[in-house]
Amino acid sequence: MYYVYVNDINIAVYDLNPSAKKTVLFIHGWPLGHKIFEYQTNILPKLGYRTVSIDLRGFGKSDATSGGYTYSQLADDIYKVVHAIGLKDFTLVGFSMGGAIVLKYMSLFNGYGVSKLVLAAAAAPSFVQRPPEFPYGMTREDVNKLIAQACTDRPEMVTDFGEKVFASNPPESFRRWFNDIGFSASGIGTIGTAVSLRDEELFDDLKCVRVPTGIFHGKLDEICPYEFAVFMNEKIEDSILYTFDYSGHAIFYDELKLFNQEFLQFLEE
C-alpha cells in the first residue's frame, strides 16, 4: 500500500503485480473500502493482471475531509490517481456506489485510460426512486433514515445495512468481516456519500460510456434492484448484462465462483 497525494489529501492505493501488462482498477461501494474486492484481487495477479484498488476519500486508510463527497469530486480524485501512477488501457470496475462514481468518471473525463468498464451491482443511474420515469430503488426517506442513523449509531447502521446485502446466509464470521470494512470508514465520509447517493443521478452520463461494458447484477438485489441493470443495459450501447439469479447485492459472495468466472471471461474477451 502507498499513498498518492491528490486534491490536498492522501488516497490509499493498493497495487498488486505492477509490472503486469493488463490492469484492473477497482472502486468500492458504500459504506465500504478496497477490501471488498479481496476475492478478486487474490486471484487476478496470478493470472497476469495488475490490480489497483483505492480507498475513496473518507474511507479505509484514505484521508477524511469535511466535504468533497460528490460523485464529481470522487471521480476527480480517481482521475488524479490514474494520472499520478500512469495507468493506461485499464478495465475500470465500480461496485455499488463505486458504479455510480465510475460512470461520472466516464462522463467528466471522457473515459480517460479506460478500455473496458464493469458495473457490478451499480447504484446507478439513480440510487433513489425518481417517478414516474424511474420508480426503482429506495425512497429519499429511506436514505434519510440511513443518514440519521449514521449520525447517531453508525455501527448499528452498518450492521443493519449488511443484513440486506446478502441473498445467501453467510456465516457470522463473514458478516463480521463485511461489517468491519464498513466500520473502517469515517463517519463524515459515510454521511457525505449517502447524501450524494440520495441527491445525485446519472441518466445523462450513461450516454458518455463508449467502451465495452459488463453489467453484473443479482436478481435478488434489495439495495440496488435488478431493474437498475436492465435500464443501464438498454441505455449503454456496447453493454452486456450478466444476470446472477441467486445473488443479492453481494454478488462477490452470493455466487462467488460464477461471478469470478463471468468476470474473468469479460476481461479476456
Protein backbone atom coordinates (compact mmCIF):
# COMPACT_ATOMS: atom_id res chain seq x y z
CA MET A 1 0.00 0.00 0.00
CA TYR A 2 1.13 3.52 -0.73
CA TYR A 3 -0.40 6.97 -0.71
CA VAL A 4 -1.00 9.27 -3.65
CA TYR A 5 -1.41 12.93 -2.73
CA VAL A 6 -4.19 14.45 -4.81
CA ASN A 7 -6.50 17.41 -4.26
CA ASP A 8 -4.76 18.14 -0.93
CA ILE A 9 -5.49 14.69 0.54
CA ASN A 10 -3.81 11.29 0.73
CA ILE A 11 -5.54 8.49 -1.16
CA ALA A 12 -4.58 4.95 -0.15
CA VAL A 13 -3.64 2.80 -3.16
CA TYR A 14 -3.21 -0.98 -3.10
CA ASP A 15 -1.17 -2.01 -6.13
CA LEU A 16 -0.52 -5.69 -6.81
CA ASN A 17 1.65 -7.07 -9.62
CA PRO A 18 2.51 -3.60 -11.01
CA SER A 19 4.73 -4.99 -13.79
CA ALA A 20 1.83 -6.82 -15.47
CA LYS A 21 0.61 -5.55 -18.83
CA LYS A 22 -3.12 -5.90 -18.08
CA THR A 23 -4.59 -3.68 -15.37
CA VAL A 24 -7.86 -3.64 -13.43
CA LEU A 25 -8.78 -0.63 -11.27
CA PHE A 26 -11.35 -1.33 -8.54
CA ILE A 27 -13.64 1.30 -6.96
CA HIS A 28 -15.56 0.20 -3.88
CA GLY A 29 -19.09 0.94 -2.77
CA TRP A 30 -20.85 2.41 0.26
CA PRO A 31 -20.01 2.29 3.13
CA LEU A 32 -17.04 0.04 2.48
CA GLY A 33 -13.42 0.12 1.26
CA HIS A 34 -10.96 -1.62 -1.04
CA LYS A 35 -11.07 -4.89 0.94
CA ILE A 36 -14.46 -5.73 -0.53
CA PHE A 37 -12.62 -6.91 -3.68
CA GLU A 38 -10.43 -9.38 -1.77
CA TYR A 39 -11.81 -12.40 -3.62
CA GLN A 40 -10.94 -10.89 -6.98
CA THR A 41 -7.57 -9.34 -6.13
CA ASN A 42 -6.48 -12.66 -4.64
CA ILE A 43 -6.64 -14.39 -8.00
CA LEU A 44 -6.10 -11.82 -10.75
CA PRO A 45 -2.36 -11.23 -10.14
CA LYS A 46 -1.78 -14.97 -10.51
CA LEU A 47 -3.46 -14.76 -13.92
CA GLY A 48 -1.20 -11.98 -15.17
CA TYR A 49 -3.19 -8.93 -14.11
CA ARG A 50 -2.15 -5.86 -12.21
CA THR A 51 -4.84 -4.93 -9.71
CA VAL A 52 -5.13 -1.42 -8.32
CA SER A 53 -7.67 -0.76 -5.57
CA ILE A 54 -8.18 2.51 -3.76
CA ASP A 55 -9.96 3.65 -0.65
CA LEU A 56 -12.11 6.61 -1.63
CA ARG A 57 -11.67 9.78 0.42
CA GLY A 58 -13.27 9.29 3.81
CA PHE A 59 -12.97 5.51 3.63
CA GLY A 60 -10.41 2.94 4.74
CA LYS A 61 -6.97 4.47 5.14
CA SER A 62 -7.56 7.48 2.88
CA ASP A 63 -7.91 10.92 4.42
CA ALA A 64 -11.32 12.11 5.53
CA THR A 65 -12.32 15.67 4.70
CA SER A 66 -15.15 17.91 5.82
CA GLY A 67 -16.59 17.95 2.29
CA GLY A 68 -15.89 16.74 -1.21
CA TYR A 69 -18.13 13.67 -1.30
CA THR A 70 -19.95 14.42 -4.55
CA TYR A 71 -19.63 11.95 -7.40
CA SER A 72 -17.72 14.57 -9.38
CA GLN A 73 -15.14 15.16 -6.66
CA LEU A 74 -14.66 11.45 -6.03
CA ALA A 75 -14.27 10.87 -9.78
CA ASP A 76 -11.71 13.66 -9.89
CA ASP A 77 -9.74 12.01 -7.10
CA ILE A 78 -9.65 8.82 -9.18
CA TYR A 79 -8.59 10.73 -12.30
CA LYS A 80 -5.70 12.31 -10.40
CA VAL A 81 -4.60 8.92 -9.06
CA VAL A 82 -4.76 7.43 -12.57
CA HIS A 83 -2.53 10.24 -13.83
CA ALA A 84 -0.14 10.05 -10.90
CA ILE A 85 0.61 6.35 -11.29
CA GLY A 86 0.39 6.34 -15.08
CA LEU A 87 -2.48 3.94 -15.68
CA LYS A 88 -3.46 3.35 -19.30
CA ASP A 89 -5.64 0.87 -21.16
CA PHE A 90 -7.23 -0.49 -17.97
CA THR A 91 -10.53 -2.07 -17.00
CA LEU A 92 -12.42 0.15 -14.56
CA VAL A 93 -14.62 -1.69 -12.06
CA GLY A 94 -17.22 0.00 -9.86
CA PHE A 95 -19.25 -1.82 -7.23
CA SER A 96 -22.48 -0.31 -5.85
CA MET A 97 -21.82 3.41 -5.23
CA GLY A 98 -18.50 2.82 -6.97
CA GLY A 99 -20.52 2.05 -10.09
CA ALA A 100 -22.10 5.49 -9.91
CA ILE A 101 -18.71 7.12 -9.40
CA VAL A 102 -17.09 5.36 -12.36
CA LEU A 103 -19.98 6.47 -14.58
CA LYS A 104 -19.25 10.04 -13.51
CA TYR A 105 -15.57 9.40 -14.31
CA MET A 106 -16.52 8.26 -17.82
CA SER A 107 -18.59 11.40 -18.31
CA LEU A 108 -16.27 14.01 -16.81
CA PHE A 109 -13.01 12.69 -18.22
CA ASN A 110 -14.17 11.06 -21.44
CA GLY A 111 -13.25 7.66 -20.03
CA TYR A 112 -9.57 8.60 -19.77
CA GLY A 113 -7.44 5.46 -19.94
CA VAL A 114 -10.40 3.08 -19.75
CA SER A 115 -10.60 0.24 -22.26
CA LYS A 116 -13.44 -1.67 -20.55
CA LEU A 117 -15.98 -0.84 -17.87
CA VAL A 118 -17.55 -3.13 -15.27
CA LEU A 119 -20.66 -2.04 -13.36
CA ALA A 120 -21.18 -4.51 -10.50
CA ALA A 121 -24.46 -4.11 -8.61
CA ALA A 122 -24.12 -0.44 -9.52
CA ALA A 123 -26.10 2.23 -7.66
CA ALA A 124 -26.99 3.85 -10.96
CA PRO A 125 -28.44 5.64 -12.78
CA SER A 126 -30.19 6.74 -9.57
CA PHE A 127 -30.00 5.16 -6.12
CA VAL A 128 -33.39 6.59 -5.19
CA GLN A 129 -36.74 6.50 -6.95
CA ARG A 130 -37.46 9.29 -9.41
CA PRO A 131 -41.04 8.60 -10.53
CA PRO A 132 -42.64 8.31 -12.91
CA GLU A 133 -39.68 7.65 -15.23
CA PHE A 134 -37.61 5.68 -12.69
CA PRO A 135 -39.74 4.09 -9.93
CA TYR A 136 -36.96 1.79 -8.73
CA GLY A 137 -34.72 1.80 -5.67
CA MET A 138 -35.03 3.31 -2.23
CA THR A 139 -37.06 6.39 -1.42
CA ARG A 140 -35.43 9.61 -0.27
CA GLU A 141 -36.99 8.93 3.12
CA ASP A 142 -35.24 5.55 3.28
CA VAL A 143 -31.87 7.19 2.70
CA ASN A 144 -32.67 9.96 5.16
CA LYS A 145 -33.18 7.27 7.80
CA LEU A 146 -29.78 5.76 6.97
CA ILE A 147 -28.18 9.19 7.27
CA ALA A 148 -29.90 9.89 10.58
CA GLN A 149 -28.78 6.53 11.95
CA ALA A 150 -25.23 7.11 10.72
CA CYS A 151 -25.23 10.37 12.67
CA THR A 152 -26.19 8.70 15.95
CA ASP A 153 -25.26 4.98 15.78
CA ARG A 154 -23.13 4.23 12.74
CA PRO A 155 -22.11 0.71 13.88
CA GLU A 156 -25.76 -0.30 14.10
CA MET A 157 -26.48 1.32 10.73
CA VAL A 158 -23.64 -0.63 9.09
CA THR A 159 -24.84 -3.85 10.72
CA ASP A 160 -28.46 -3.31 9.67
CA PHE A 161 -27.38 -2.43 6.13
CA GLY A 162 -25.24 -5.56 5.97
CA GLU A 163 -28.27 -7.71 6.75
CA LYS A 164 -29.84 -6.62 3.45
CA VAL A 165 -26.76 -7.14 1.30
CA PHE A 166 -26.70 -10.94 1.08
CA ALA A 167 -29.23 -13.22 -0.59
CA SER A 168 -27.41 -16.23 0.85
CA ASN A 169 -26.86 -16.81 4.55
CA PRO A 170 -23.14 -16.25 5.15
CA PRO A 171 -21.56 -17.41 8.39
CA GLU A 172 -21.25 -14.96 11.24
CA SER A 173 -17.51 -14.69 10.65
CA PHE A 174 -18.09 -13.40 7.12
CA ARG A 175 -20.69 -10.92 8.31
CA ARG A 176 -18.19 -9.62 10.86
CA TRP A 177 -15.59 -9.26 8.09
CA PHE A 178 -18.06 -7.31 5.95
CA ASN A 179 -19.15 -5.08 8.83
CA ASP A 180 -15.55 -4.42 9.84
CA ILE A 181 -14.90 -2.94 6.39
CA GLY A 182 -17.83 -0.58 6.93
CA PHE A 183 -16.60 0.29 10.43
CA SER A 184 -13.24 1.34 8.96
CA ALA A 185 -14.86 4.26 7.12
CA SER A 186 -15.08 7.71 8.66
CA GLY A 187 -18.44 8.89 9.87
CA ILE A 188 -18.24 12.08 7.85
CA GLY A 189 -17.37 10.19 4.66
CA THR A 190 -20.19 7.71 5.21
CA ILE A 191 -22.70 10.52 5.70
CA GLY A 192 -21.37 12.71 2.89
CA THR A 193 -21.55 9.96 0.28
CA ALA A 194 -25.00 8.91 1.48
CA VAL A 195 -26.16 12.44 0.70
CA SER A 196 -24.74 12.04 -2.81
CA LEU A 197 -26.49 8.70 -3.22
CA ARG A 198 -29.75 10.41 -2.27
CA ASP A 199 -29.36 13.57 -4.34
CA GLU A 200 -27.42 12.71 -7.49
CA GLU A 201 -28.49 10.99 -10.71
CA LEU A 202 -26.62 9.84 -13.79
CA PHE A 203 -29.16 9.48 -16.59
CA ASP A 204 -27.26 11.79 -18.94
CA ASP A 205 -23.91 10.23 -18.02
CA LEU A 206 -24.90 6.83 -19.40
CA LYS A 207 -24.59 8.06 -22.99
CA CYS A 208 -20.97 9.04 -22.31
CA VAL A 209 -19.91 5.39 -21.99
CA ARG A 210 -18.24 4.40 -25.25
CA VAL A 211 -16.27 1.30 -24.24
CA PRO A 212 -17.34 -2.34 -23.88
CA THR A 213 -19.27 -2.55 -20.63
CA GLY A 214 -20.14 -5.54 -18.49
CA ILE A 215 -23.15 -5.05 -16.22
CA PHE A 216 -23.10 -7.62 -13.41
CA HIS A 217 -26.21 -7.71 -11.23
CA GLY A 218 -28.07 -10.04 -8.88
CA LYS A 219 -31.75 -10.75 -9.47
CA LEU A 220 -32.35 -10.67 -5.69
CA ASP A 221 -30.62 -7.35 -5.00
CA GLU A 222 -32.57 -5.44 -2.32
CA ILE A 223 -30.20 -2.45 -2.27
CA CYS A 224 -29.92 -1.71 -6.00
CA PRO A 225 -32.81 -3.56 -7.67
CA TYR A 226 -32.20 -5.61 -10.80
CA GLU A 227 -34.19 -3.04 -12.79
CA PHE A 228 -31.17 -0.73 -12.47
CA ALA A 229 -29.13 -3.16 -14.56
CA VAL A 230 -31.84 -3.64 -17.18
CA PHE A 231 -32.18 0.14 -17.56
CA MET A 232 -28.43 0.64 -17.97
CA ASN A 233 -28.16 -2.23 -20.41
CA GLU A 234 -30.77 -0.54 -22.59
CA LYS A 235 -29.02 2.84 -22.45
CA ILE A 236 -25.35 1.84 -22.76
CA GLU A 237 -24.81 0.86 -26.37
CA ASP A 238 -21.94 -1.64 -26.13
CA SER A 239 -23.03 -3.39 -22.94
CA ILE A 240 -23.61 -6.98 -21.87
CA LEU A 241 -25.86 -7.86 -18.93
CA TYR A 242 -24.64 -10.70 -16.72
CA THR A 243 -27.50 -11.87 -14.52
CA PHE A 244 -26.98 -13.76 -11.26
CA ASP A 245 -30.25 -15.46 -10.39
CA TYR A 246 -29.40 -16.30 -6.78
CA SER A 247 -27.43 -13.19 -5.81
CA GLY A 248 -28.38 -10.15 -3.83
CA HIS A 249 -26.27 -7.00 -3.66
CA ALA A 250 -23.26 -9.08 -2.62
CA ILE A 251 -22.66 -10.76 -5.97
CA PHE A 252 -18.99 -11.06 -5.00
CA TYR A 253 -20.08 -13.57 -2.32
CA ASP A 254 -23.55 -14.98 -3.06
CA GLU A 255 -22.35 -16.61 -6.30
CA LEU A 256 -18.62 -16.05 -5.92
CA LYS A 257 -17.45 -18.82 -8.24
CA LEU A 258 -19.85 -17.85 -11.03
CA PHE A 259 -19.14 -14.16 -10.59
CA ASN A 260 -15.39 -14.65 -10.90
CA GLN A 261 -15.87 -16.94 -13.89
CA GLU A 262 -18.01 -14.43 -15.78
CA PHE A 263 -15.82 -11.52 -14.69
CA LEU A 264 -12.67 -13.22 -15.99
CA GLN A 265 -14.41 -14.10 -19.23
CA PHE A 266 -15.32 -10.44 -19.75
CA LEU A 267 -11.76 -9.34 -19.00
CA GLU A 268 -10.34 -11.81 -21.51
CA GLU A 269 -12.74 -11.02 -24.36
